[in-house]
Amino acid sequence: MVNQEFLANCVFVSVHFELSNFLMCSWYLKWLLIFRIIILCSEGGFFNAVMTFPQNYPNSPPTVRFTSDMWHPNVYQDGRVCISILHPPGDDPNGYELASERWSPVHTVESIMLSIISMLSGPNDESPANVEAAKEWREDKDGFRKKVSRCVRKSQEML
């Protein structure tokens, strides 16, 4: 069940029409809430992302996906962010994360954003979403920084 405060900020569309004198139909369009986000980095980058909330939020986590180019060990090549608090609640099937590190309905957009900002400044290369970026982060910091700098420059050009 979605909490009332969350519902108050959503728009629901209801379409009613009569097919005949005896039949009344109601179609409810399912809601989907999407936040467009711009993350400003200390290096001067402006990274666009989308936070999408599932229908059963807050029981399930939103997804966050960068729409700007991103070179980071914890960002999949398609832009999806991989951090513990965005993983479904419960035990980790791989045994890497504690259940307490995963999604809980107490998390807010603010706590998610703080976690993403923290992730950007301190990658977790032990459980990477982008193995190539993690390897470069560990073995070739200069090469890694050059790719990140290219992403920053490209993000500035998109303004």
C-alpha atoms as a PDB file:
ATOM      1  CA  MET A   1       0.000   0.000   0.000  1.00  0.00           C
ATOM      2  CA  VAL A   2       1.351   3.440  -0.897  1.00  0.00           C
ATOM      3  CA  ASN A   3       1.422   5.947   1.976  1.00  0.00           C
ATOM      4  CA  GLN A   4      -1.040   8.864   1.984  1.00  0.00           C
ATOM      5  CA  GLU A   5       1.624  11.611   1.792  1.00  0.00           C
ATOM      6  CA  PHE A   6       2.989  10.005  -1.367  1.00  0.00           C
ATOM      7  CA  LEU A   7      -0.500   9.695  -2.848  1.00  0.00           C
ATOM      8  CA  ALA A   8      -1.229  13.361  -2.186  1.00  0.00           C
ATOM      9  CA  ASN A   9       1.578  14.287  -4.584  1.00  0.00           C
ATOM     10  CA  CYS A  10       0.445  11.971  -7.386  1.00  0.00           C
ATOM     11  CA  VAL A  11      -2.025  12.626 -10.147  1.00  0.00           C
ATOM     12  CA  PHE A  12      -4.471   9.864 -10.952  1.00  0.00           C
ATOM     13  CA  VAL A  13      -6.459   9.880 -14.168  1.00  0.00           C
ATOM     14  CA  SER A  14      -9.836   8.242 -14.286  1.00  0.00           C
ATOM     15  CA  VAL A  15     -11.789   7.850 -17.513  1.00  0.00           C
ATOM     16  CA  HIS A  16     -15.473   6.949 -17.256  1.00  0.00           C
ATOM     17  CA  PHE A  17     -17.797   6.314 -20.152  1.00  0.00           C
ATOM     18  CA  GLU A  18     -21.089   4.611 -20.728  1.00  0.00           C
ATOM     19  CA  LEU A  19     -21.236   1.861 -23.322  1.00  0.00           C
ATOM     20  CA  SER A  20     -24.991   1.607 -23.029  1.00  0.00           C
ATOM     21  CA  ASN A  21     -27.744   2.449 -20.603  1.00  0.00           C
ATOM     22  CA  PHE A  22     -26.936  -0.673 -18.601  1.00  0.00           C
ATOM     23  CA  LEU A  23     -23.174  -0.871 -18.623  1.00  0.00           C
ATOM     24  CA  MET A  24     -20.741   1.540 -17.001  1.00  0.00           C
ATOM     25  CA  CYS A  25     -16.999   1.041 -17.417  1.00  0.00           C
ATOM     26  CA  SER A  26     -14.154   2.654 -15.546  1.00  0.00           C
ATOM     27  CA  TRP A  27     -10.596   2.608 -16.735  1.00  0.00           C
ATOM     28  CA  TYR A  28      -7.920   3.753 -14.392  1.00  0.00           C
ATOM     29  CA  LEU A  29      -4.567   4.572 -15.866  1.00  0.00           C
ATOM     30  CA  LYS A  30      -1.856   3.151 -13.667  1.00  0.00           C
ATOM     31  CA  TRP A  31       0.345   5.797 -12.180  1.00  0.00           C
ATOM     32  CA  LEU A  32       4.030   6.053 -12.626  1.00  0.00           C
ATOM     33  CA  LEU A  33       6.041   8.708 -10.897  1.00  0.00           C
ATOM     34  CA  ILE A  34       9.286   9.822 -12.469  1.00  0.00           C
ATOM     35  CA  PHE A  35      11.694  12.424 -11.102  1.00  0.00           C
ATOM     36  CA  ARG A  36      14.187  14.026 -13.445  1.00  0.00           C
ATOM     37  CA  ILE A  37      17.375  14.788 -11.554  1.00  0.00           C
ATOM     38  CA  ILE A  38      20.490  16.814 -12.255  1.00  0.00           C
ATOM     39  CA  ILE A  39      23.496  15.982 -10.093  1.00  0.00           C
ATOM     40  CA  LEU A  40      26.127  18.702  -9.901  1.00  0.00           C
ATOM     41  CA  CYS A  41      29.607  17.331  -9.235  1.00  0.00           C
ATOM     42  CA  SER A  42      32.497  19.175  -7.639  1.00  0.00           C
ATOM     43  CA  GLU A  43      34.449  18.670 -10.885  1.00  0.00           C
ATOM     44  CA  GLY A  44      31.865  20.805 -12.696  1.00  0.00           C
ATOM     45  CA  GLY A  45      29.773  18.043 -14.232  1.00  0.00           C
ATOM     46  CA  PHE A  46      26.011  18.209 -14.688  1.00  0.00           C
ATOM     47  CA  PHE A  47      24.753  14.633 -14.791  1.00  0.00           C
ATOM     48  CA  ASN A  48      21.145  13.919 -15.699  1.00  0.00           C
ATOM     49  CA  ALA A  49      19.340  10.991 -14.137  1.00  0.00           C
ATOM     50  CA  VAL A  50      15.828   9.630 -13.840  1.00  0.00           C
ATOM     51  CA  MET A  51      14.353   8.205 -10.635  1.00  0.00           C
ATOM     52  CA  THR A  52      11.357   5.968 -11.338  1.00  0.00           C
ATOM     53  CA  PHE A  53       9.065   4.843  -8.541  1.00  0.00           C
ATOM     54  CA  PRO A  54       7.308   1.473  -8.804  1.00  0.00           C
ATOM     55  CA  GLN A  55       3.606   1.084  -8.183  1.00  0.00           C
ATOM     56  CA  ASN A  56       4.230  -0.581  -4.815  1.00  0.00           C
ATOM     57  CA  TYR A  57       6.524   2.189  -3.513  1.00  0.00           C
ATOM     58  CA  PRO A  58       7.586   2.539  -0.699  1.00  0.00           C
ATOM     59  CA  ASN A  59       7.634  -1.227  -0.207  1.00  0.00           C
ATOM     60  CA  SER A  60       9.953  -1.558  -3.211  1.00  0.00           C
ATOM     61  CA  PRO A  61      12.785   0.795  -4.127  1.00  0.00           C
ATOM     62  CA  PRO A  62      12.793   3.231  -7.006  1.00  0.00           C
ATOM     63  CA  THR A  63      15.292   2.759  -9.806  1.00  0.00           C
ATOM     64  CA  VAL A  64      17.805   5.437 -10.698  1.00  0.00           C
ATOM     65  CA  ARG A  65      19.350   5.634 -14.139  1.00  0.00           C
ATOM     66  CA  PHE A  66      21.798   8.194 -15.443  1.00  0.00           C
ATOM     67  CA  THR A  67      20.819   9.515 -18.851  1.00  0.00           C
ATOM     68  CA  SER A  68      24.168  11.300 -19.176  1.00  0.00           C
ATOM     69  CA  ASP A  69      27.308   9.349 -20.052  1.00  0.00           C
ATOM     70  CA  MET A  70      28.792   7.991 -16.844  1.00  0.00           C
ATOM     71  CA  TRP A  71      32.038   6.074 -16.252  1.00  0.00           C
ATOM     72  CA  HIS A  72      31.827   4.624 -12.768  1.00  0.00           C
ATOM     73  CA  PRO A  73      32.261   1.183 -11.169  1.00  0.00           C
ATOM     74  CA  ASN A  74      28.780   1.334  -9.612  1.00  0.00           C
ATOM     75  CA  VAL A  75      26.873   2.451 -12.708  1.00  0.00           C
ATOM     76  CA  TYR A  76      25.887  -0.135 -15.308  1.00  0.00           C
ATOM     77  CA  GLN A  77      26.681   0.689 -18.920  1.00  0.00           C
ATOM     78  CA  ASP A  78      22.989   1.466 -19.514  1.00  0.00           C
ATOM     79  CA  GLY A  79      23.145   4.070 -16.722  1.00  0.00           C
ATOM     80  CA  ARG A  80      21.416   2.131 -13.930  1.00  0.00           C
ATOM     81  CA  VAL A  81      22.795   2.912 -10.483  1.00  0.00           C
ATOM     82  CA  CYS A  82      23.898  -0.037  -8.355  1.00  0.00           C
ATOM     83  CA  ILE A  83      23.910   0.793  -4.657  1.00  0.00           C
ATOM     84  CA  SER A  84      22.686  -1.343  -1.778  1.00  0.00           C
ATOM     85  CA  ILE A  85      19.756   0.828  -0.742  1.00  0.00           C
ATOM     86  CA  LEU A  86      18.244   0.479  -4.231  1.00  0.00           C
ATOM     87  CA  HIS A  87      18.298  -3.324  -4.072  1.00  0.00           C
ATOM     88  CA  PRO A  88      15.034  -5.082  -3.124  1.00  0.00           C
ATOM     89  CA  PRO A  89      14.489  -5.665   0.598  1.00  0.00           C
ATOM     90  CA  GLY A  90      15.476  -8.929   2.202  1.00  0.00           C
ATOM     91  CA  ASP A  91      18.483 -11.181   2.053  1.00  0.00           C
ATOM     92  CA  ASP A  92      21.007 -10.817  -0.763  1.00  0.00           C
ATOM     93  CA  PRO A  93      20.922 -13.973  -2.910  1.00  0.00           C
ATOM     94  CA  ASN A  94      24.669 -13.520  -3.513  1.00  0.00           C
ATOM     95  CA  GLY A  95      25.450 -13.097   0.180  1.00  0.00           C
ATOM     96  CA  TYR A  96      27.318  -9.828  -0.382  1.00  0.00           C
ATOM     97  CA  GLU A  97      24.977  -7.382   1.368  1.00  0.00           C
ATOM     98  CA  LEU A  98      23.263  -7.528   4.715  1.00  0.00           C
ATOM     99  CA  ALA A  99      19.483  -7.194   4.642  1.00  0.00           C
ATOM    100  CA  SER A 100      19.890  -4.014   6.721  1.00  0.00           C
ATOM    101  CA  GLU A 101      21.911  -2.427   3.885  1.00  0.00           C
ATOM    102  CA  ARG A 102      19.192  -2.989   1.299  1.00  0.00           C
ATOM    103  CA  TRP A 103      15.981  -1.077   0.591  1.00  0.00           C
ATOM    104  CA  SER A 104      13.712  -0.141   3.450  1.00  0.00           C
ATOM    105  CA  PRO A 105      10.608   2.083   3.276  1.00  0.00           C
ATOM    106  CA  VAL A 106      12.312   4.527   5.657  1.00  0.00           C
ATOM    107  CA  HIS A 107      14.569   5.708   2.817  1.00  0.00           C
ATOM    108  CA  THR A 108      13.630   8.986   1.191  1.00  0.00           C
ATOM    109  CA  VAL A 109      14.536  10.698  -2.061  1.00  0.00           C
ATOM    110  CA  GLU A 110      17.010  12.706   0.015  1.00  0.00           C
ATOM    111  CA  SER A 111      18.704   9.611   1.490  1.00  0.00           C
ATOM    112  CA  ILE A 112      18.892   8.034  -1.976  1.00  0.00           C
ATOM    113  CA  MET A 113      20.469  11.174  -3.443  1.00  0.00           C
ATOM    114  CA  LEU A 114      22.977  11.396  -0.580  1.00  0.00           C
ATOM    115  CA  SER A 115      23.917   7.753  -1.184  1.00  0.00           C
ATOM    116  CA  ILE A 116      24.401   8.402  -4.908  1.00  0.00           C
ATOM    117  CA  ILE A 117      26.555  11.472  -4.244  1.00  0.00           C
ATOM    118  CA  SER A 118      28.607   9.431  -1.771  1.00  0.00           C
ATOM    119  CA  MET A 119      28.935   6.621  -4.338  1.00  0.00           C
ATOM    120  CA  LEU A 120      30.152   9.056  -6.995  1.00  0.00           C
ATOM    121  CA  SER A 121      32.930  10.329  -4.743  1.00  0.00           C
ATOM    122  CA  GLY A 122      33.896   6.911  -3.356  1.00  0.00           C
ATOM    123  CA  PRO A 123      33.286   3.970  -5.705  1.00  0.00           C
ATOM    124  CA  ASN A 124      32.827   0.444  -4.369  1.00  0.00           C
ATOM    125  CA  ASP A 125      35.029  -1.621  -6.667  1.00  0.00           C
ATOM    126  CA  GLU A 126      34.468  -4.852  -4.717  1.00  0.00           C
ATOM    127  CA  SER A 127      30.962  -5.288  -6.119  1.00  0.00           C
ATOM    128  CA  PRO A 128      31.002  -3.441  -9.436  1.00  0.00           C
ATOM    129  CA  ALA A 129      28.177  -2.934 -11.887  1.00  0.00           C
ATOM    130  CA  ASN A 130      30.728  -1.884 -14.511  1.00  0.00           C
ATOM    131  CA  VAL A 131      33.638  -4.330 -14.231  1.00  0.00           C
ATOM    132  CA  GLU A 132      35.791  -2.451 -16.754  1.00  0.00           C
ATOM    133  CA  ALA A 133      35.442   0.824 -14.843  1.00  0.00           C
ATOM    134  CA  ALA A 134      36.225  -0.949 -11.548  1.00  0.00           C
ATOM    135  CA  LYS A 135      39.323  -2.570 -13.020  1.00  0.00           C
ATOM    136  CA  GLU A 136      40.513   0.757 -14.393  1.00  0.00           C
ATOM    137  CA  TRP A 137      39.749   2.452 -11.043  1.00  0.00           C
ATOM    138  CA  ARG A 138      42.018  -0.091  -9.292  1.00  0.00           C
ATOM    139  CA  GLU A 139      44.792  -0.456 -11.878  1.00  0.00           C
ATOM    140  CA  ASP A 140      44.952   2.790 -13.883  1.00  0.00           C
ATOM    141  CA  LYS A 141      43.697   5.788 -11.896  1.00  0.00           C
ATOM    142  CA  ASP A 142      44.998   8.245 -14.511  1.00  0.00           C
ATOM    143  CA  GLY A 143      43.116   6.475 -17.320  1.00  0.00           C
ATOM    144  CA  PHE A 144      40.022   6.331 -15.132  1.00  0.00           C
ATOM    145  CA  ARG A 145      40.219  10.064 -14.366  1.00  0.00           C
ATOM    146  CA  LYS A 146      40.622  10.873 -18.072  1.00  0.00           C
ATOM    147  CA  LYS A 147      37.423   8.992 -18.944  1.00  0.00           C
ATOM    148  CA  VAL A 148      35.568  10.684 -16.094  1.00  0.00           C
ATOM    149  CA  SER A 149      36.873  14.078 -17.276  1.00  0.00           C
ATOM    150  CA  ARG A 150      35.505  13.338 -20.759  1.00  0.00           C
ATOM    151  CA  CYS A 151      32.103  12.561 -19.247  1.00  0.00           C
ATOM    152  CA  VAL A 152      32.242  15.825 -17.261  1.00  0.00           C
ATOM    153  CA  ARG A 153      33.113  17.854 -20.377  1.00  0.00           C
ATOM    154  CA  LYS A 154      30.354  16.171 -22.368  1.00  0.00           C
ATOM    155  CA  SER A 155      27.845  16.922 -19.601  1.00  0.00           C
ATOM    156  CA  GLN A 156      28.835  20.594 -19.678  1.00  0.00           C
ATOM    157  CA  GLU A 157      28.307  20.715 -23.445  1.00  0.00           C
ATOM    158  CA  MET A 158      24.776  19.362 -23.036  1.00  0.00           C
ATOM    159  CA  LEU A 159      23.634  22.440 -21.082  1.00  0.00           C
END
